[in-house]
């Protein structure tokens, strides 16, 4: 069997590291040559390369496309690209809309893929639940996208660009991704670990009671990505797929904190319920972008982990 080449764009990020590690662990049964890109997280390289010694790391500027040529010459055309790279902090996107559009719309990546004679690489692209307006519950994939902030707008633009320019793709609209820390610890705050940390101080903390999401356990997201890779490699049929990727539970920020408190045995009186409108965050945030994930379940036969079970798994690993 020909060894398949998988490139993870944004491989030093939270999801990227989990994807790489999982791919490396199944190498015996489904051989993959692995490569990943990084931009600003070069300090994360050594532990990651130690854990996955046969992978290749490439410095790539997603705005200019600098670095893709080196991948072509040293790694070759990938059979699959998993694009995890993004400017994903909404407030930062709001402050610099041009950077958000330049990074989040993968023009340089798709242009590079288009330079190959065979244009059949599967592009798995991570989008967001923030493409939805947030005025109802359980959005479906066919619902209108009306983002309320620059981050969401940049992700809608990315989806539209990919749909128009690259035939073989899967777009995954992900909710909040949570789970255990990575091999090479990422700098950003992880949601469950952050909640655990502030509640452990036994001081009262404010949480929003009127913002709802469907947080998804990171290893479920990885399973979805691996399933799509397997589907493409085994069946060889091009796909045009759009999926909501969330957990099975619609929870508020308060309910997220209460779940952590129950699992850890903290006093829930530490959790002060406040409205999202009472706190200025420098960016508009959708109120309810819970998602209907029935299409995901039906398409890939995957049943995502409950939020409570995911929290237990996450905290057991710390």
Protein backbone atom coordinates (compact mmCIF):
# COMPACT_ATOMS: atom_id res chain seq x y z
CA UNK A 1 0.00 0.00 0.00
CA UNK A 2 1.32 3.43 -0.94
CA UNK A 3 2.23 5.56 2.02
CA UNK A 4 -0.13 8.52 2.16
CA UNK A 5 1.10 12.02 2.90
CA UNK A 6 -0.85 14.14 5.40
CA UNK A 7 -0.03 17.80 6.00
CA UNK A 8 -1.39 19.52 9.12
CA UNK A 9 -1.43 23.29 8.68
CA UNK A 10 -1.11 24.87 12.11
CA UNK A 11 0.41 21.73 13.59
CA UNK A 12 1.77 23.40 16.72
CA UNK A 13 -1.70 24.60 17.75
CA UNK A 14 -4.01 22.81 20.16
CA UNK A 15 -6.02 20.75 17.68
CA UNK A 16 -3.10 20.36 15.30
CA UNK A 17 -0.96 18.63 17.92
CA UNK A 18 -3.76 16.24 18.85
CA UNK A 19 -4.30 15.37 15.18
CA UNK A 20 -0.60 14.75 14.56
CA UNK A 21 -0.20 12.53 17.61
CA UNK A 22 -3.23 10.42 16.71
CA UNK A 23 -2.04 10.02 13.11
CA UNK A 24 1.40 8.95 14.29
CA UNK A 25 -0.07 6.32 16.61
CA UNK A 26 -1.99 4.54 13.86
CA UNK A 27 0.93 4.50 11.47
CA UNK A 28 1.34 0.71 11.60
CA UNK A 29 -2.18 -0.06 10.39
CA UNK A 30 -2.59 2.89 8.01
CA UNK A 31 0.82 4.26 7.06
CA UNK A 32 1.12 8.03 6.84
CA UNK A 33 3.98 10.33 6.13
CA UNK A 34 3.38 13.36 8.32
CA UNK A 35 4.31 17.00 7.95
CA UNK A 36 3.07 20.13 9.62
CA UNK A 37 3.42 23.88 9.38
CA UNK A 38 4.10 26.41 12.08
CA UNK A 39 4.43 30.18 12.10
CA UNK A 40 4.94 31.80 15.49
CA UNK A 41 5.21 28.78 17.78
CA UNK A 42 8.72 27.60 16.96
CA UNK A 43 9.34 27.06 20.69
CA UNK A 44 6.84 24.20 20.54
CA UNK A 45 8.75 22.32 17.85
CA UNK A 46 11.28 20.31 19.85
CA UNK A 47 8.86 18.43 22.13
CA UNK A 48 6.54 17.78 19.20
CA UNK A 49 9.30 16.46 16.95
CA UNK A 50 10.61 14.32 19.81
CA UNK A 51 7.15 12.76 20.19
CA UNK A 52 6.67 12.31 16.44
CA UNK A 53 10.27 11.90 15.23
CA UNK A 54 9.50 11.01 11.61
CA UNK A 55 7.40 14.10 10.94
CA UNK A 56 8.65 17.13 9.03
CA UNK A 57 8.15 20.72 10.20
CA UNK A 58 7.93 23.67 7.82
CA UNK A 59 7.78 27.37 8.57
CA UNK A 60 4.97 28.86 6.49
CA UNK A 61 3.53 32.36 6.25
CA UNK A 62 -0.13 31.87 5.40
CA UNK A 63 -0.54 35.48 4.29
CA UNK A 64 2.24 35.45 1.68
CA UNK A 65 2.48 31.70 1.06
CA UNK A 66 6.20 31.73 1.79
CA UNK A 67 7.30 28.22 2.77
CA UNK A 68 4.88 26.15 0.70
CA UNK A 69 7.48 25.65 -2.05
CA UNK A 70 9.76 23.95 0.47
CA UNK A 71 6.97 21.53 1.38
CA UNK A 72 6.48 20.65 -2.30
CA UNK A 73 10.16 19.91 -2.82
CA UNK A 74 10.88 18.03 0.44
CA UNK A 75 7.54 16.36 1.20
CA UNK A 76 5.63 16.38 -2.07
CA UNK A 77 1.96 16.89 -2.79
CA UNK A 78 -0.08 15.83 0.24
CA UNK A 79 -2.95 13.42 -0.20
CA UNK A 80 -4.71 15.19 2.67
CA UNK A 81 -4.38 18.67 4.18
CA UNK A 82 -5.92 19.40 7.58
CA UNK A 83 -6.13 23.16 8.03
CA UNK A 84 -6.20 23.98 11.74
CA UNK A 85 -4.49 27.36 11.39
CA UNK A 86 -6.47 30.47 12.23
CA UNK A 87 -6.51 33.80 13.95
CA UNK A 88 -9.15 32.57 16.35
CA UNK A 89 -9.37 35.13 19.18
CA UNK A 90 -12.47 37.21 18.30
CA UNK A 91 -11.21 40.35 20.03
CA UNK A 92 -7.91 40.22 18.11
CA UNK A 93 -9.79 39.72 14.85
CA UNK A 94 -11.94 42.75 15.67
CA UNK A 95 -8.84 44.86 16.24
CA UNK A 96 -7.21 43.77 12.97
CA UNK A 97 -9.84 42.72 10.39
CA UNK A 98 -7.31 42.64 7.55
CA UNK A 99 -5.12 40.12 9.37
CA UNK A 100 -8.18 38.03 10.24
CA UNK A 101 -9.23 37.83 6.60
CA UNK A 102 -5.70 37.25 5.32
CA UNK A 103 -5.01 34.38 7.73
CA UNK A 104 -8.44 32.79 8.05
CA UNK A 105 -9.26 32.68 4.34
CA UNK A 106 -6.74 30.09 3.06
CA UNK A 107 -5.95 31.71 -0.30
CA UNK A 108 -2.23 30.91 -0.28
CA UNK A 109 -2.88 27.30 0.75
CA UNK A 110 -5.43 26.66 -1.99
CA UNK A 111 -3.31 28.48 -4.57
CA UNK A 112 -0.41 26.21 -3.65
CA UNK A 113 -2.55 23.09 -3.93
CA UNK A 114 -3.74 24.33 -7.33
CA UNK A 115 -0.14 24.42 -8.55
CA UNK A 116 0.04 20.62 -8.60
CA UNK A 117 -0.93 18.74 -11.75
CA UNK A 118 -3.27 16.47 -9.80
CA UNK A 119 -5.82 18.60 -7.98
CA UNK A 120 -7.40 15.90 -5.86
CA UNK A 121 -5.94 16.56 -2.40
CA UNK A 122 -8.61 16.35 0.30
CA UNK A 123 -8.77 19.66 2.19
CA UNK A 124 -10.26 19.36 5.69
CA UNK A 125 -10.87 22.89 6.93
CA UNK A 126 -11.78 23.93 10.48
CA UNK A 127 -14.48 26.55 10.61
CA UNK A 128 -16.51 27.72 13.61
CA UNK A 129 -19.96 27.85 15.18
CA UNK A 130 -19.54 31.64 15.19
CA UNK A 131 -20.70 31.75 11.56
CA UNK A 132 -24.23 31.64 13.04
CA UNK A 133 -26.07 34.71 14.33
CA UNK A 134 -26.97 33.24 17.72
CA UNK A 135 -30.67 34.09 17.88
CA UNK A 136 -32.03 30.53 18.20
CA UNK A 137 -30.98 27.07 19.34
CA UNK A 138 -29.59 24.10 17.42
CA UNK A 139 -28.52 25.59 14.12
CA UNK A 140 -28.41 23.27 11.11
CA UNK A 141 -25.81 23.41 8.34
CA UNK A 142 -28.31 24.82 5.86
CA UNK A 143 -29.27 27.74 8.12
CA UNK A 144 -28.20 31.19 6.98
CA UNK A 145 -24.81 32.36 8.19
CA UNK A 146 -25.09 35.81 9.78
CA UNK A 147 -21.94 36.29 11.88
CA UNK A 148 -21.94 39.12 14.42
CA UNK A 149 -18.18 39.68 14.56
CA UNK A 150 -15.12 39.83 12.30
CA UNK A 151 -13.95 36.37 13.33
CA UNK A 152 -17.22 34.82 12.17
CA UNK A 153 -17.20 36.89 8.98
CA UNK A 154 -13.68 35.74 8.13
CA UNK A 155 -14.72 32.13 8.62
CA UNK A 156 -17.77 32.55 6.37
CA UNK A 157 -15.50 34.08 3.74
CA UNK A 158 -13.16 31.08 4.09
CA UNK A 159 -16.02 28.61 3.64
CA UNK A 160 -17.24 30.42 0.54
CA UNK A 161 -13.74 30.60 -0.93
CA UNK A 162 -13.08 26.89 -0.41
CA UNK A 163 -16.48 25.87 -1.77
CA UNK A 164 -15.87 27.86 -4.95
CA UNK A 165 -12.22 27.02 -5.58
CA UNK A 166 -11.51 23.52 -4.23
CA UNK A 167 -13.77 20.62 -5.15
CA UNK A 168 -12.51 17.97 -2.73
CA UNK A 169 -13.16 19.35 0.74
CA UNK A 170 -14.78 18.90 4.16
CA UNK A 171 -15.62 22.00 6.19
CA UNK A 172 -16.08 21.42 9.92
CA UNK A 173 -17.95 24.07 11.90
CA UNK A 174 -16.53 23.42 15.33
CA UNK A 175 -17.83 24.58 18.68
CA UNK A 176 -15.52 25.20 21.66
CA UNK A 177 -12.91 22.44 21.64
CA UNK A 178 -11.82 21.18 25.07
CA UNK A 179 -9.73 18.35 26.41
CA UNK A 180 -6.31 17.46 27.81
CA UNK A 181 -3.22 19.59 27.29
CA UNK A 182 -0.98 18.91 24.30
CA UNK A 183 2.47 17.29 24.13
CA UNK A 184 4.03 20.70 23.81
CA UNK A 185 1.81 22.89 26.03
CA UNK A 186 0.04 25.64 24.09
CA UNK A 187 0.09 29.15 25.46
CA UNK A 188 -3.63 29.84 25.17
CA UNK A 189 -5.92 29.16 28.08
CA UNK A 190 -7.79 25.85 27.82
CA UNK A 191 -11.45 26.21 28.87
CA UNK A 192 -11.88 23.36 31.36
CA UNK A 193 -8.45 23.82 32.89
CA UNK A 194 -9.14 27.55 33.26
CA UNK A 195 -12.48 26.97 34.99
CA UNK A 196 -10.87 24.39 37.27
CA UNK A 197 -8.08 26.81 38.11
CA UNK A 198 -10.29 29.74 39.07
CA UNK A 199 -12.74 27.62 41.08
CA UNK A 200 -9.88 25.95 42.95
CA UNK A 201 -9.02 29.34 44.47
CA UNK A 202 -12.35 29.21 46.35
CA UNK A 203 -13.25 32.73 45.33
CA UNK A 204 -16.47 33.80 43.64
CA UNK A 205 -16.23 33.98 39.83
CA UNK A 206 -18.67 35.38 37.27
CA UNK A 207 -19.98 33.19 34.45
CA UNK A 208 -22.54 34.00 31.75
CA UNK A 209 -25.92 32.32 32.10
CA UNK A 210 -27.16 33.42 28.66
CA UNK A 211 -24.46 32.26 26.22
CA UNK A 212 -24.94 28.73 24.92
CA UNK A 213 -22.56 26.44 23.02
CA UNK A 214 -22.12 22.73 22.29
CA UNK A 215 -18.52 22.18 23.46
CA UNK A 216 -16.83 19.23 21.78
CA UNK A 217 -14.19 16.93 23.26
CA UNK A 218 -10.95 17.26 21.29
CA UNK A 219 -10.51 13.52 20.74
CA UNK A 220 -13.95 13.43 19.11
CA UNK A 221 -12.82 16.12 16.67
CA UNK A 222 -9.72 14.05 15.94
CA UNK A 223 -11.86 10.94 15.38
CA UNK A 224 -13.99 12.90 12.90
CA UNK A 225 -10.90 14.08 11.01
CA UNK A 226 -9.40 10.58 10.94
CA UNK A 227 -12.71 9.17 9.71
CA UNK A 228 -12.75 11.67 6.83
CA UNK A 229 -9.13 10.87 5.94
CA UNK A 230 -9.91 7.15 5.98
CA UNK A 231 -13.01 7.68 3.87
CA UNK A 232 -11.04 9.54 1.22
CA UNK A 233 -8.09 7.15 1.15
CA UNK A 234 -10.18 3.96 1.07
CA UNK A 235 -13.09 5.07 -1.13
CA UNK A 236 -11.20 7.61 -3.23
CA UNK A 237 -14.35 9.58 -3.94
CA UNK A 238 -14.19 13.34 -3.88
CA UNK A 239 -16.39 14.99 -1.28
CA UNK A 240 -18.06 18.34 -0.74
CA UNK A 241 -19.04 18.15 2.87
CA UNK A 242 -20.19 20.69 5.45
CA UNK A 243 -20.67 19.46 9.01
CA UNK A 244 -21.55 20.96 12.38
CA UNK A 245 -19.01 19.58 14.85
CA UNK A 246 -20.20 19.93 18.41
CA UNK A 247 -20.88 17.85 21.46
CA UNK A 248 -24.32 16.44 22.25
CA UNK A 249 -25.06 18.94 25.03
CA UNK A 250 -26.19 22.59 24.81
CA UNK A 251 -24.66 24.29 27.83
CA UNK A 252 -24.24 27.83 29.12
CA UNK A 253 -21.00 29.11 30.59
CA UNK A 254 -22.61 28.71 34.01
CA UNK A 255 -23.48 25.09 33.29
CA UNK A 256 -19.92 24.46 32.10
CA UNK A 257 -18.60 25.82 35.39
CA UNK A 258 -21.16 23.87 37.42
CA UNK A 259 -20.11 20.64 35.71
CA UNK A 260 -16.47 21.25 36.60
CA UNK A 261 -17.50 22.11 40.17
CA UNK A 262 -19.52 18.90 40.55
CA UNK A 263 -16.72 16.75 39.13
CA UNK A 264 -14.09 18.39 41.35
CA UNK A 265 -16.26 18.77 44.43
CA UNK A 266 -16.13 22.58 44.52
CA UNK A 267 -18.86 24.65 46.12
CA UNK A 268 -21.21 25.84 43.34
CA UNK A 269 -21.93 29.01 45.32
CA UNK A 270 -18.59 30.22 43.95
CA UNK A 271 -20.29 30.51 40.54
CA UNK A 272 -21.96 33.90 40.15
CA UNK A 273 -24.44 34.07 37.30
CA UNK A 274 -24.26 37.23 35.17
CA UNK A 275 -25.57 38.28 31.77
CA UNK A 276 -23.14 38.43 28.86
CA UNK A 277 -24.34 41.97 28.19
CA UNK A 278 -22.99 43.06 31.60
CA UNK A 279 -19.38 42.60 30.50
CA UNK A 280 -17.72 44.53 27.66
CA UNK A 281 -15.29 42.26 25.82
CA UNK A 282 -14.41 44.50 22.91
CA UNK A 283 -16.32 42.32 20.46
CA UNK A 284 -19.89 41.17 19.85
CA UNK A 285 -20.52 37.56 20.82
CA UNK A 286 -23.46 35.44 19.61
CA UNK A 287 -25.83 34.41 22.40
CA UNK A 288 -26.91 30.91 21.37
CA UNK A 289 -24.98 29.08 18.67
CA UNK A 290 -25.78 25.58 19.80
CA UNK A 291 -25.76 23.23 16.82
CA UNK A 292 -27.78 20.32 15.50
CA UNK A 293 -25.21 17.54 14.94
CA UNK A 294 -27.55 14.92 13.46
CA UNK A 295 -25.87 15.19 10.03
CA UNK A 296 -22.47 14.48 11.62
CA UNK A 297 -23.81 11.42 13.41
CA UNK A 298 -25.57 10.09 10.32
CA UNK A 299 -22.70 10.77 7.91
CA UNK A 300 -19.82 9.36 9.95
CA UNK A 301 -21.63 7.12 12.47
CA UNK A 302 -19.95 8.98 15.32
CA UNK A 303 -21.52 9.70 18.70
CA UNK A 304 -19.64 12.56 20.41
CA UNK A 305 -18.79 12.37 24.11
CA UNK A 306 -21.15 14.03 26.58
CA UNK A 307 -19.90 17.26 28.11
CA UNK A 308 -19.73 15.78 31.61
CA UNK A 309 -17.78 12.71 30.45
CA UNK A 310 -15.43 14.94 28.48
CA UNK A 311 -14.80 17.08 31.55
CA UNK A 312 -14.01 13.95 33.61
CA UNK A 313 -11.61 12.71 30.94
CA UNK A 314 -9.95 16.13 30.74
CA UNK A 315 -9.49 16.56 34.48
CA UNK A 316 -8.33 12.96 34.94
CA UNK A 317 -5.45 13.74 32.59
CA UNK A 318 -4.22 16.76 34.56
